[in-house]
Protein backbone atom coordinates (compact mmCIF):
# COMPACT_ATOMS: atom_id res chain seq x y z
CA MET A 1 -42.68 -10.94 55.91
CA ASN A 2 -40.48 -9.91 52.95
CA THR A 3 -36.77 -10.40 52.28
CA LEU A 4 -34.45 -8.68 49.80
CA ILE A 5 -31.23 -10.31 48.48
CA VAL A 6 -28.65 -7.95 46.94
CA ASP A 7 -25.61 -9.42 45.15
CA ASP A 8 -23.90 -8.68 41.84
CA ASP A 9 -22.97 -12.37 41.50
CA LEU A 10 -25.87 -14.17 39.78
CA THR A 11 -24.75 -17.62 41.01
CA THR A 12 -24.69 -16.59 44.67
CA LEU A 13 -28.00 -14.74 44.40
CA THR A 14 -29.73 -17.71 42.74
CA LEU A 15 -28.23 -20.15 45.26
CA ILE A 16 -29.53 -18.18 48.23
CA LYS A 17 -32.99 -17.78 46.72
CA ASN A 18 -33.38 -21.45 45.79
CA CYS A 19 -31.68 -23.24 48.71
CA ILE A 20 -33.32 -21.58 51.71
CA LYS A 21 -36.70 -22.92 52.91
CA TRP A 22 -38.28 -19.47 53.11
CA ALA A 23 -41.84 -20.57 53.90
CA SER A 24 -40.73 -22.51 56.97
CA LEU A 25 -39.17 -19.27 58.26
CA GLY A 26 -42.42 -17.35 57.80
CA ILE A 27 -41.02 -15.35 54.84
CA GLU A 28 -43.58 -14.91 52.09
CA ASN A 29 -41.78 -12.93 49.39
CA VAL A 30 -38.12 -12.93 48.33
CA PHE A 31 -36.98 -10.00 46.15
CA THR A 32 -33.63 -9.90 44.35
CA ALA A 33 -31.39 -7.11 43.07
CA TYR A 34 -28.03 -7.16 41.28
CA ASN A 35 -26.90 -3.73 42.47
CA VAL A 36 -27.67 -1.02 45.02
CA VAL A 37 -29.69 1.12 42.58
CA GLU A 38 -32.16 -1.73 41.96
CA ALA A 39 -32.21 -2.54 45.68
CA LYS A 40 -33.22 1.02 46.63
CA LYS A 41 -36.19 0.88 44.21
CA ILE A 42 -37.42 -2.36 45.78
CA VAL A 43 -37.06 -0.97 49.32
CA ARG A 44 -39.04 2.17 48.41
CA ASN A 45 -41.92 0.14 46.96
CA ASN A 46 -42.09 -2.78 49.42
CA GLU A 47 -41.96 -3.33 53.16
CA ILE A 48 -38.72 -5.26 53.63
CA ALA A 49 -38.11 -6.97 56.98
CA ILE A 50 -34.72 -8.56 56.20
CA VAL A 51 -31.99 -7.42 53.77
CA ILE A 52 -29.25 -9.87 52.77
CA SER A 53 -26.55 -7.85 51.00
CA ASP A 54 -23.10 -8.46 49.57
CA ILE A 55 -20.50 -5.90 50.72
CA GLU A 56 -18.16 -5.75 47.72
CA MET A 57 -20.17 -4.66 44.68
CA PRO A 58 -19.34 -2.38 41.72
CA GLY A 59 -20.73 1.14 41.98
CA GLN A 60 -22.20 1.60 45.44
CA ASN A 61 -21.15 -1.12 47.88
CA GLY A 62 -23.10 -2.80 50.68
CA VAL A 63 -21.94 -0.38 53.37
CA GLU A 64 -23.13 2.63 51.35
CA PHE A 65 -26.48 0.87 50.86
CA LEU A 66 -26.70 0.21 54.62
CA LYS A 67 -25.97 3.88 55.39
CA TRP A 68 -28.72 5.03 52.96
CA TYR A 69 -31.11 2.44 54.41
CA ARG A 70 -30.69 3.68 57.99
CA GLU A 71 -30.61 7.38 57.11
CA ASN A 72 -34.00 6.93 55.45
CA ASN A 73 -35.33 5.39 58.68
CA TYR A 74 -35.87 1.84 57.43
CA GLU A 75 -35.90 -0.49 60.43
CA GLY A 76 -35.41 -3.88 58.78
CA LYS A 77 -32.69 -6.31 59.80
CA PHE A 78 -29.51 -6.04 57.72
CA PHE A 79 -27.41 -9.12 56.98
CA PHE A 80 -23.99 -8.84 55.24
CA LEU A 81 -22.28 -11.36 52.96
CA THR A 82 -18.54 -10.97 52.31
CA SER A 83 -15.75 -12.93 50.65
CA HIS A 84 -13.27 -12.10 53.41
CA GLU A 85 -13.18 -10.62 56.89
CA ASN A 86 -12.67 -6.94 56.14
CA PHE A 87 -12.43 -5.07 59.41
CA SER A 88 -12.49 -1.68 57.67
CA TYR A 89 -16.27 -2.15 57.57
CA ALA A 90 -16.54 -2.84 61.30
CA SER A 91 -17.21 0.72 62.51
CA ALA A 92 -19.89 1.32 59.87
CA SER A 93 -21.50 -2.03 60.72
CA ILE A 94 -21.77 -1.05 64.39
CA LYS A 95 -22.93 2.51 63.67
CA TYR A 96 -25.72 1.43 61.29
CA HIS A 97 -26.76 -1.71 63.20
CA VAL A 98 -25.83 -4.73 61.11
CA THR A 99 -27.59 -7.79 62.55
CA ASP A 100 -25.11 -10.40 61.34
CA TYR A 101 -22.65 -11.31 58.59
CA LEU A 102 -21.50 -14.52 56.90
CA LEU A 103 -18.37 -15.33 54.93
CA LYS A 104 -18.61 -16.63 51.37
CA PRO A 105 -18.88 -19.35 50.29
CA PHE A 106 -21.71 -19.61 52.82
CA ASP A 107 -23.09 -22.74 54.42
CA VAL A 108 -26.84 -23.18 53.76
CA PHE A 109 -27.47 -24.57 57.26
CA VAL A 110 -25.64 -21.65 58.90
CA MET A 111 -27.57 -19.10 56.81
CA GLU A 112 -30.90 -20.73 57.67
CA ALA A 113 -29.94 -20.72 61.36
CA ALA A 114 -29.00 -17.03 61.17
CA LEU A 115 -32.32 -16.22 59.47
CA LYS A 116 -34.25 -18.20 62.12
CA LYS A 117 -32.54 -16.12 64.78
CA ILE A 118 -33.40 -12.88 63.00
CA VAL A 119 -37.04 -13.91 62.50
CA ALA A 120 -37.30 -14.75 66.21
CA GLU A 121 -35.88 -11.32 67.12
CA ILE A 122 -38.37 -9.59 64.81
CA ALA A 123 -41.27 -11.51 66.37
CA GLU A 124 -40.18 -10.54 69.90
CA GLU A 125 -39.77 -6.88 68.93
CA GLU A 126 -43.21 -6.85 67.31
CA ALA A 127 -44.78 -8.35 70.44
CA LYS A 128 -43.30 -5.57 72.56
CA LYS A 129 -44.49 -2.87 70.14
CA ASN A 130 -48.01 -4.21 69.96
CA ASP A 131 -48.49 -4.56 73.69
CA LEU A 132 -48.21 -1.26 75.52
CA ASN A 133 -49.35 -2.76 78.80
CA TYR A 134 -46.08 -3.81 80.43
CA GLY A 135 -47.81 -5.89 83.07
CA ARG A 136 -49.55 -7.86 80.37
CA TRP A 137 -46.25 -8.22 78.50
CA ILE A 138 -44.63 -9.70 81.62
CA LYS A 139 -47.45 -12.20 81.95
CA GLN A 140 -47.17 -13.22 78.29
CA ASN A 141 -43.36 -13.41 78.50
CA ALA A 142 -43.05 -15.47 81.65
CA ASP A 143 -40.89 -17.96 79.74
CA ARG A 144 -38.31 -15.29 78.96
CA LEU A 145 -38.22 -14.15 82.58
CA TRP A 146 -37.94 -17.74 83.81
CA LEU A 147 -34.95 -18.26 81.51
CA ASP A 148 -33.30 -15.09 82.84
CA PHE A 149 -33.87 -16.49 86.33
CA LEU A 150 -32.11 -19.77 85.36
CA TYR A 151 -29.15 -17.87 83.91
CA ALA A 152 -28.85 -15.95 87.18
CA ILE A 153 -28.76 -19.26 89.09
CA PHE A 154 -26.20 -21.08 86.94
CA GLU A 155 -23.96 -18.04 86.60
CA GLY A 156 -23.81 -17.91 90.41
CA ARG A 157 -25.65 -14.59 90.74
CA ILE A 158 -28.33 -15.97 93.10
CA VAL A 159 -27.06 -17.40 96.35
CA ASP A 160 -29.48 -16.51 99.15
CA ASP A 161 -32.95 -15.07 99.62
CA TRP A 162 -34.67 -17.51 97.25
CA ASN A 163 -38.20 -16.58 98.33
CA LYS A 164 -37.53 -12.94 97.50
CA GLU A 165 -36.19 -13.85 94.08
CA ASN A 166 -39.26 -15.95 93.34
CA LEU A 167 -41.60 -13.18 94.47
CA GLU A 168 -39.82 -10.59 92.36
CA ARG A 169 -40.23 -12.75 89.29
CA ASN A 170 -43.75 -13.88 90.20
CA PHE A 171 -43.07 -17.56 89.49
CA SER A 172 -45.48 -20.23 90.61
CA VAL A 173 -42.69 -22.62 91.59
CA SER A 174 -41.34 -23.88 94.88
CA THR A 175 -37.70 -24.06 95.86
CA ASP A 176 -38.41 -27.69 96.80
CA ASP A 177 -39.63 -28.67 93.30
CA GLU A 178 -37.45 -31.45 91.84
CA TYR A 179 -35.92 -31.55 88.35
CA VAL A 180 -33.23 -33.38 86.38
CA LEU A 181 -30.32 -31.36 84.99
CA ILE A 182 -28.90 -32.59 81.69
CA VAL A 183 -25.53 -30.87 81.40
CA SER A 184 -23.45 -31.02 78.21
CA TYR A 185 -19.83 -29.95 77.93
CA LEU A 186 -19.14 -28.81 74.37
CA THR A 187 -15.52 -29.06 73.23
CA ASP A 188 -13.75 -28.94 69.82
CA VAL A 189 -16.02 -26.05 68.82
CA GLU A 190 -13.41 -24.24 66.68
CA LYS A 191 -14.63 -25.51 63.30
CA ASP A 192 -18.23 -24.55 64.06
CA LEU A 193 -17.19 -21.06 65.22
CA GLU A 194 -15.36 -20.57 61.91
CA LYS A 195 -18.74 -20.89 60.19
CA MET A 196 -20.82 -18.78 62.57
CA ASN A 197 -20.33 -16.10 65.21
CA PRO A 198 -20.76 -16.96 68.94
CA ASP A 199 -24.31 -15.53 69.17
CA LEU A 200 -25.49 -17.56 66.20
CA PHE A 201 -23.68 -20.63 67.54
CA ARG A 202 -25.57 -20.35 70.84
CA PHE A 203 -28.86 -19.91 68.98
CA VAL A 204 -28.20 -23.09 66.94
CA ILE A 205 -27.33 -25.00 70.12
CA GLU A 206 -30.47 -23.80 71.90
CA GLN A 207 -32.62 -24.77 68.89
CA LEU A 208 -31.06 -28.24 68.71
CA TYR A 209 -31.48 -28.99 72.42
CA GLY A 210 -34.97 -27.50 72.44
CA GLU A 211 -36.16 -29.70 69.57
CA VAL A 212 -34.65 -32.89 71.01
CA PHE A 213 -35.30 -32.55 74.75
CA PHE A 214 -38.47 -30.44 74.79
CA GLN A 215 -39.93 -30.88 71.27
CA SER A 216 -40.07 -27.09 71.07
CA LYS A 217 -38.21 -24.34 69.23
CA THR A 218 -39.04 -21.92 72.04
CA ASN A 219 -36.24 -21.93 74.58
CA LYS A 220 -37.38 -21.59 78.18
CA ASN A 221 -35.32 -24.25 79.98
CA ILE A 222 -31.91 -24.23 78.24
CA VAL A 223 -28.95 -22.23 79.53
CA CYS A 224 -25.78 -21.94 77.44
CA ILE A 225 -22.69 -20.64 79.26
CA GLN A 226 -19.28 -20.06 77.70
CA ASN A 227 -16.30 -21.52 79.56
CA ASN A 228 -13.05 -20.21 78.03
CA SER A 229 -13.06 -21.73 74.54
CA ASN A 230 -15.74 -24.33 75.40
CA TYR A 231 -19.43 -24.21 76.40
CA PHE A 232 -21.75 -25.72 78.99
CA VAL A 233 -25.39 -26.35 78.07
CA ILE A 234 -27.74 -26.93 81.02
CA ASN A 235 -31.19 -28.36 80.31
CA VAL A 236 -33.68 -28.11 83.19
CA CYS A 237 -35.99 -31.10 82.68
CA PRO A 238 -38.92 -32.75 84.47
CA VAL A 239 -37.93 -35.89 86.38
CA ASP A 240 -40.00 -38.19 84.13
CA ILE A 241 -37.71 -37.43 81.17
CA VAL A 242 -35.49 -40.31 82.37
CA LYS A 243 -37.96 -42.79 80.82
CA LYS A 244 -37.25 -41.40 77.33
CA PHE A 245 -33.45 -41.20 77.48
CA ASP A 246 -32.61 -44.00 75.04
CA THR A 247 -34.76 -42.48 72.30
CA ILE A 248 -33.77 -38.91 73.11
CA PHE A 249 -30.02 -39.45 72.95
CA ASP A 250 -30.22 -41.54 69.79
CA THR A 251 -32.02 -38.62 68.10
CA PHE A 252 -29.66 -36.09 69.69
CA ASP A 253 -26.49 -37.80 68.42
CA LYS A 254 -27.85 -38.04 64.87
CA LYS A 255 -28.94 -34.39 64.73
CA LEU A 256 -25.78 -33.12 66.37
CA HIS A 257 -23.40 -34.89 64.00
CA ALA A 258 -25.49 -33.91 60.99
CA ILE A 259 -25.03 -30.18 61.54
CA LEU A 260 -22.04 -29.60 63.86
CA SER A 261 -18.43 -30.77 64.28
CA LEU A 262 -18.11 -30.32 68.05
CA THR A 263 -17.85 -33.00 70.75
CA ALA A 264 -20.67 -33.13 73.34
CA THR A 265 -20.09 -34.92 76.66
CA THR A 266 -23.31 -35.11 78.69
CA CYS A 267 -24.01 -35.91 82.33
CA ILE A 268 -27.56 -36.57 83.61
CA SER A 269 -27.97 -35.49 87.21
CA ASP A 270 -29.81 -37.20 90.02
CA ASN A 271 -33.09 -35.52 91.01
CA VAL A 272 -32.30 -32.07 92.39
CA LYS A 273 -34.35 -29.35 94.05
CA LEU A 274 -34.48 -25.87 92.54
CA ARG A 275 -32.61 -24.25 95.42
CA PHE A 276 -29.68 -26.66 94.92
CA PHE A 277 -29.34 -26.09 91.16
CA TYR A 278 -26.06 -24.19 91.31
CA ASN A 279 -24.38 -26.66 93.68
CA LYS A 280 -25.42 -29.56 91.47
CA PHE A 281 -24.21 -27.81 88.31
CA ASP A 282 -20.87 -26.99 89.97
CA SER A 283 -20.41 -30.65 90.93
CA ILE A 284 -21.26 -31.91 87.43
CA ARG A 285 -19.07 -29.24 85.82
CA ASN A 286 -16.13 -30.62 87.80
CA ILE A 287 -16.90 -34.17 86.62
CA LEU A 288 -17.18 -33.13 82.96
CA THR A 289 -13.94 -31.13 82.92
CA THR A 290 -11.86 -33.80 84.67
CA ALA A 291 -13.28 -37.23 83.69
CA VAL A 292 -11.92 -37.12 80.13
CA SER A 293 -12.60 -40.85 79.66
CA TYR A 294 -16.28 -39.97 79.20
CA SER A 295 -15.56 -37.54 76.34
CA GLY A 296 -18.20 -37.72 73.61
CA THR A 297 -20.58 -39.93 75.62
CA HIS A 298 -23.60 -39.44 77.89
CA PHE A 299 -23.74 -40.92 81.38
CA PHE A 300 -25.59 -40.64 84.67
CA GLU A 301 -24.12 -38.70 87.56
CA LYS A 302 -24.50 -41.72 89.84
CA ASP A 303 -22.27 -43.75 87.49
CA ALA A 304 -19.55 -41.12 87.34
CA VAL A 305 -18.64 -41.66 91.00
CA LEU A 306 -17.54 -45.18 89.99
CA LEU A 307 -14.72 -43.66 87.91
CA ASP A 308 -11.50 -45.59 88.45
CA THR A 309 -9.25 -43.02 90.09
CA ASN A 310 -6.15 -45.27 90.23
CA VAL A 311 -3.03 -43.46 89.11
CA VAL A 312 -2.37 -44.03 85.39
CA GLN A 313 1.01 -45.58 84.66
CA GLY A 314 3.14 -43.13 82.71
CA ILE A 315 3.94 -43.49 79.05
CA ASP A 316 6.96 -45.53 77.99
CA ILE A 317 9.59 -42.77 77.86
CA ASN A 318 12.25 -45.13 76.51
CA PHE A 319 10.01 -46.10 73.59
CA ILE A 320 9.30 -42.43 72.81
CA ALA A 321 13.02 -41.53 73.04
CA GLU A 322 14.02 -44.47 70.82
CA ASN A 323 11.58 -43.49 68.09
CA LEU A 324 12.46 -39.81 68.32
CA GLU A 325 16.00 -40.91 67.51
CA LYS A 326 14.64 -42.81 64.50
CA LYS A 327 12.40 -39.85 63.59
CA ASP A 328 9.50 -42.31 63.40
CA LYS A 329 6.45 -40.15 64.10
CA LEU A 330 4.05 -42.89 62.98
CA LYS A 331 5.23 -45.33 65.66
CA ILE A 332 5.09 -42.68 68.37
CA MET A 333 1.55 -41.58 67.45
CA SER A 334 0.30 -45.18 67.10
CA TYR A 335 1.64 -45.98 70.56
CA LEU A 336 0.06 -42.87 72.11
CA LYS A 337 -3.33 -43.53 70.50
CA ARG A 338 -3.29 -47.12 71.74
CA PHE A 339 -2.20 -46.04 75.24
CA LEU A 340 -4.91 -43.37 75.50
CA SER A 341 -7.58 -45.66 74.05
CA GLU A 342 -6.86 -48.42 76.59
CA HIS A 343 -7.05 -46.02 79.53
CA THR A 344 -10.17 -44.37 78.13
CA GLN A 345 -11.94 -47.72 77.93
CA ASN A 346 -11.12 -48.64 81.53
CA ARG A 347 -12.15 -45.13 82.77
CA SER A 348 -8.75 -44.41 84.29
CA LEU A 349 -8.03 -41.10 82.55
CA ASP A 350 -8.69 -37.69 84.04
CA SER A 351 -7.36 -34.24 83.23
CA ASN A 352 -4.49 -34.64 85.74
CA ALA A 353 -3.37 -37.83 83.97
CA LEU A 354 -3.41 -36.01 80.62
CA LYS A 355 -1.35 -33.15 82.05
CA SER A 356 1.17 -35.69 83.37
CA ILE A 357 1.41 -37.33 79.92
CA ARG A 358 1.87 -33.90 78.36
CA GLN A 359 4.77 -33.18 80.74
CA GLU A 360 6.42 -36.53 79.99
CA LEU A 361 6.26 -35.93 76.24
CA LEU A 362 7.77 -32.47 76.63
CA GLN A 363 10.53 -33.97 78.78
CA CYS A 364 11.33 -36.52 76.03
CA VAL A 365 11.51 -33.78 73.41
CA TYR A 366 13.76 -31.49 75.44
CA ILE A 367 16.14 -34.37 76.22
CA TYR A 368 16.18 -35.15 72.48
CA PHE A 369 17.17 -31.53 71.78
CA ALA A 370 19.76 -31.48 74.57
CA LYS A 371 21.51 -34.60 73.24
CA ARG A 372 22.04 -32.70 70.01
CA ASN A 373 23.19 -29.52 71.74
CA VAL A 374 20.19 -27.73 70.24
CA THR A 375 18.49 -24.85 72.01
CA PRO A 376 14.95 -24.69 70.54
CA THR A 377 14.48 -20.93 70.63
CA GLY A 378 10.80 -19.90 70.45
CA PHE A 379 9.64 -23.53 70.59
CA LEU A 380 5.85 -23.75 71.27
CA THR A 381 5.59 -20.07 72.25
CA LYS A 382 3.18 -18.78 69.60
CA ASP A 383 -0.34 -18.01 70.83
CA ILE A 384 -1.87 -20.88 68.86
CA GLU A 385 0.82 -23.28 70.19
CA VAL A 386 0.26 -22.17 73.79
CA GLY A 387 -3.47 -22.75 73.27
CA LEU A 388 -2.88 -26.25 71.86
CA THR A 389 -0.59 -27.11 74.77
CA LYS A 390 -3.16 -25.95 77.31
CA LYS A 391 -6.04 -27.86 75.66
CA ALA A 392 -3.95 -31.06 75.59
CA GLY A 393 -4.83 -31.47 79.27
CA GLU A 394 -8.58 -31.28 78.61
CA THR A 395 -9.58 -34.10 76.22
CA VAL A 396 -8.04 -37.19 74.63
CA MET A 397 -8.65 -35.76 71.16
CA ASP A 398 -6.88 -32.53 72.09
CA MET A 399 -3.96 -34.54 73.49
CA ILE A 400 -3.61 -36.48 70.22
CA LYS A 401 -3.76 -33.26 68.16
CA TRP A 402 -1.15 -31.62 70.36
CA ALA A 403 1.19 -34.64 70.44
CA ASN A 404 1.08 -34.87 66.65
CA TYR A 405 1.88 -31.16 66.38
CA LEU A 406 4.64 -31.47 69.01
CA ILE A 407 6.45 -34.26 67.14
CA GLU A 408 6.12 -32.46 63.79
CA GLN A 409 7.51 -29.24 65.25
CA THR A 410 10.35 -31.10 66.99
CA PHE A 411 11.62 -32.59 63.74
CA GLU A 412 11.03 -29.37 61.83
CA ASN A 413 12.91 -27.34 64.45
CA LEU A 414 15.82 -29.77 64.30
CA ASP A 415 15.91 -29.62 60.48
CA GLN A 416 15.97 -25.81 60.59
CA ASN A 417 18.74 -25.93 63.16
CA LYS A 418 20.76 -28.27 60.93
CA GLN A 419 20.56 -25.82 58.04
CA SER A 420 22.35 -23.22 60.17
CA MET A 421 24.95 -25.69 61.53
CA THR A 422 28.55 -25.77 60.37
CA LEU A 423 29.87 -28.93 58.71
CA GLU A 424 31.68 -30.11 61.84
CA GLU A 425 28.49 -29.58 63.93
CA ARG A 426 26.52 -31.65 61.43
CA ILE A 427 29.19 -34.39 61.59
CA ASN A 428 28.97 -34.42 65.39
CA GLU A 429 25.16 -34.60 65.14
CA TYR A 430 25.44 -37.55 62.74
CA ILE A 431 27.84 -39.35 65.13
CA ARG A 432 25.55 -38.77 68.13
CA THR A 433 22.66 -40.27 66.15
CA HIS A 434 24.49 -43.26 64.61
CA TYR A 435 27.23 -44.11 67.13
CA ARG A 436 25.67 -47.54 67.80
CA GLU A 437 26.21 -48.51 64.15
CA ASN A 438 29.38 -49.63 62.37
CA ILE A 439 30.41 -46.19 61.13
CA GLY A 440 33.73 -44.55 60.39
CA ARG A 441 35.30 -41.90 58.20
CA SER A 442 34.06 -43.44 54.92
CA GLU A 443 30.40 -43.76 56.02
CA ILE A 444 30.38 -40.18 57.32
CA ALA A 445 31.95 -38.90 54.09
CA ASP A 446 29.24 -40.68 52.06
CA GLU A 447 26.54 -39.05 54.19
CA PHE A 448 27.85 -35.58 53.28
CA CYS A 449 28.87 -36.45 49.69
CA LEU A 450 32.54 -35.58 50.30
CA ALA A 451 35.80 -37.48 49.89
CA PRO A 452 36.94 -39.31 53.07
CA GLU A 453 40.41 -37.68 53.04
CA TYR A 454 38.96 -34.19 52.57
CA ILE A 455 36.33 -34.48 55.31
CA ALA A 456 38.89 -35.96 57.74
CA LYS A 457 41.40 -33.12 57.20
CA LEU A 458 38.73 -30.41 57.38
CA TYR A 459 37.24 -31.82 60.61
CA LYS A 460 40.68 -32.13 62.26
CA LYS A 461 41.61 -28.57 61.23
CA ARG A 462 38.40 -27.06 62.68
CA THR A 463 38.06 -29.13 65.88
CA GLY A 464 41.58 -30.30 66.74
CA LEU A 465 40.27 -33.87 66.91
CA SER A 466 40.12 -36.65 64.37
CA ILE A 467 36.68 -38.02 63.48
CA LYS A 468 37.68 -41.34 65.04
CA ASP A 469 38.66 -39.61 68.31
CA TYR A 470 35.30 -37.81 68.61
CA LEU A 471 33.40 -41.02 67.76
CA ASN A 472 35.29 -43.02 70.42
CA GLN A 473 34.92 -40.28 73.03
CA TYR A 474 31.16 -40.12 72.48
CA ARG A 475 30.83 -43.91 72.60
CA ILE A 476 32.75 -44.04 75.90
CA GLU A 477 30.53 -41.31 77.41
CA GLN A 478 27.46 -43.39 76.54
CA ALA A 479 29.13 -46.54 77.85
CA LYS A 480 29.78 -44.84 81.23
CA LEU A 481 26.04 -44.15 81.57
CA LEU A 482 25.16 -47.75 80.71
CA LEU A 483 27.72 -49.13 83.15
CA GLU A 484 25.67 -47.60 85.97
CA ASN A 485 22.92 -50.08 85.09
CA GLU A 486 23.97 -53.22 86.97
CA THR A 487 21.52 -55.43 85.01
CA LEU A 488 23.56 -54.98 81.82
CA ARG A 489 26.60 -57.17 81.12
CA ILE A 490 29.75 -55.38 79.94
CA SER A 491 29.73 -57.40 76.70
CA GLU A 492 26.18 -56.13 76.02
CA ILE A 493 27.28 -52.53 76.65
CA SER A 494 30.14 -53.03 74.21
CA GLU A 495 27.67 -53.96 71.45
CA MET A 496 25.17 -51.24 72.42
CA THR A 497 27.80 -48.53 71.99
CA GLY A 498 29.01 -49.64 68.56
CA PHE A 499 32.22 -51.55 69.39
CA ASP A 500 32.73 -54.69 67.32
CA SER A 501 34.49 -56.64 70.06
CA PHE A 502 34.69 -56.74 73.85
CA ALA A 503 38.51 -56.60 73.74
CA TYR A 504 38.59 -53.47 71.59
CA PHE A 505 35.95 -51.83 73.82
CA SER A 506 38.08 -52.52 76.92
CA THR A 507 41.19 -51.13 75.23
CA ILE A 508 39.51 -47.88 74.14
CA PHE A 509 37.72 -47.47 77.49
CA LYS A 510 41.02 -47.76 79.40
CA LYS A 511 42.70 -45.33 76.97
CA TYR A 512 40.19 -42.59 77.82
CA MET A 513 39.35 -43.45 81.45
CA ASP A 514 42.67 -44.95 82.72
CA VAL A 515 40.71 -47.91 84.09
CA SER A 516 39.02 -50.91 82.50
CA PRO A 517 35.18 -51.18 82.34
CA ILE A 518 35.28 -53.74 85.19
CA GLU A 519 37.41 -51.46 87.38
CA TYR A 520 35.12 -48.50 86.57
CA ARG A 521 32.12 -50.47 87.83
CA LYS A 522 33.95 -51.42 91.01
CA LYS A 523 34.53 -47.71 91.68
CA LEU A 524 30.77 -47.23 91.36
CA GLY A 525 30.25 -50.01 93.92
CA ILE A 526 28.82 -52.39 91.31
CA MET A 527 30.18 -55.92 91.10
CA SER A 528 30.17 -57.39 87.59
């Protein structure tokens, strides 16, 4: 089998030629050309099975070469390299049958995987061409038909009439045969899908699972099903595979992390008969998508039923609110990571618990905005933000990513809002944030780099209130809320709202409320 590489960049061309293990792919000769003119000469004089071509080249480009190649009835596989995703080439790529494309700078592993896939396709096409007897082809391709049968089962397309299905496919199996299903739930696949398209991704997954679980690169027992942005991989295994699990999963983890960035959570089923495959898969799918405490691990189905389903205590909303006020993202994230880690270790987290935590965090943020009279227009409404919010209820890692993004966007939104605020609005915002502290006209003037007399006159002119009046009014409003908490002493509330003495607090409270703090509590039915 021969391959041709066409690229005007000498470095890229040399890298491809020297880094790929061509012999292991069954490719004997690798030709190179620096432009389309040279490439056409090589194609005319040699039988080329695979063409790897750059798109953007001086003179004739890759698309023009592809068009010439097809119009002259060459049937080889065509593989594009490009420095950017240029969709203007899409229609030509479809019309002239491009097999695949990769973005530069390319990943050697991804290119090798793509070439493996192409070589496998060529081999299958050759087998069909060379065998005109369809009955014989079916016999020789029983593995392919068996795999199609498994896809039909796990996609829910076979429900009844099992004997008929078996007869139609001519399988020598019984619906009472027992197997073990090893089901992996693949999440965090975004980085891997940036490097390869979904078809190539599935091929890489099938190769990896085939090598580890079946010591074979021929896939006949592995089904890969997409589930929204994630994937399920179902391996149909003989029951005696259980004896090899320790070795198998050690090898699997090493190989997986060496080539991919995704997270694989795997459940090993109890023994199950063929006719109950779909029901078993549906049950395990539910476990994998809800028992987030198992994320990134492998476990037996029989152990999963021991999951602690006690309701998870909610996050400490007061702690979150306090550190939002301080704009301390580090403390908030450290607390959340510790909270999630503890509940992951004791197996008490499920997707419902994560969704509840997500709701509590959003509640904290919207209260934080409301206290500042900020309406966060367009907050978390972009497609990517909606996606992050949705995924936060799926895995602990997604929750941490989303929470980090949420806090960042909260502070950023507030900063943007401040830039559009008038001076008096910014003064009010400062007072609402620092009212517990010993602040007055001078401290506020320093914050805004203005003279105390000037800022006081300007504020009074625009609002009709003095700065001191607004500060006292806000402190009293906060004190009224705290007075509803009968566990707090009035002297404590005085300190918590920024008053330097109990007597002064009582005087100011009566000025605004016409009653003392003690009398106010009595009206609420609370005895001090």
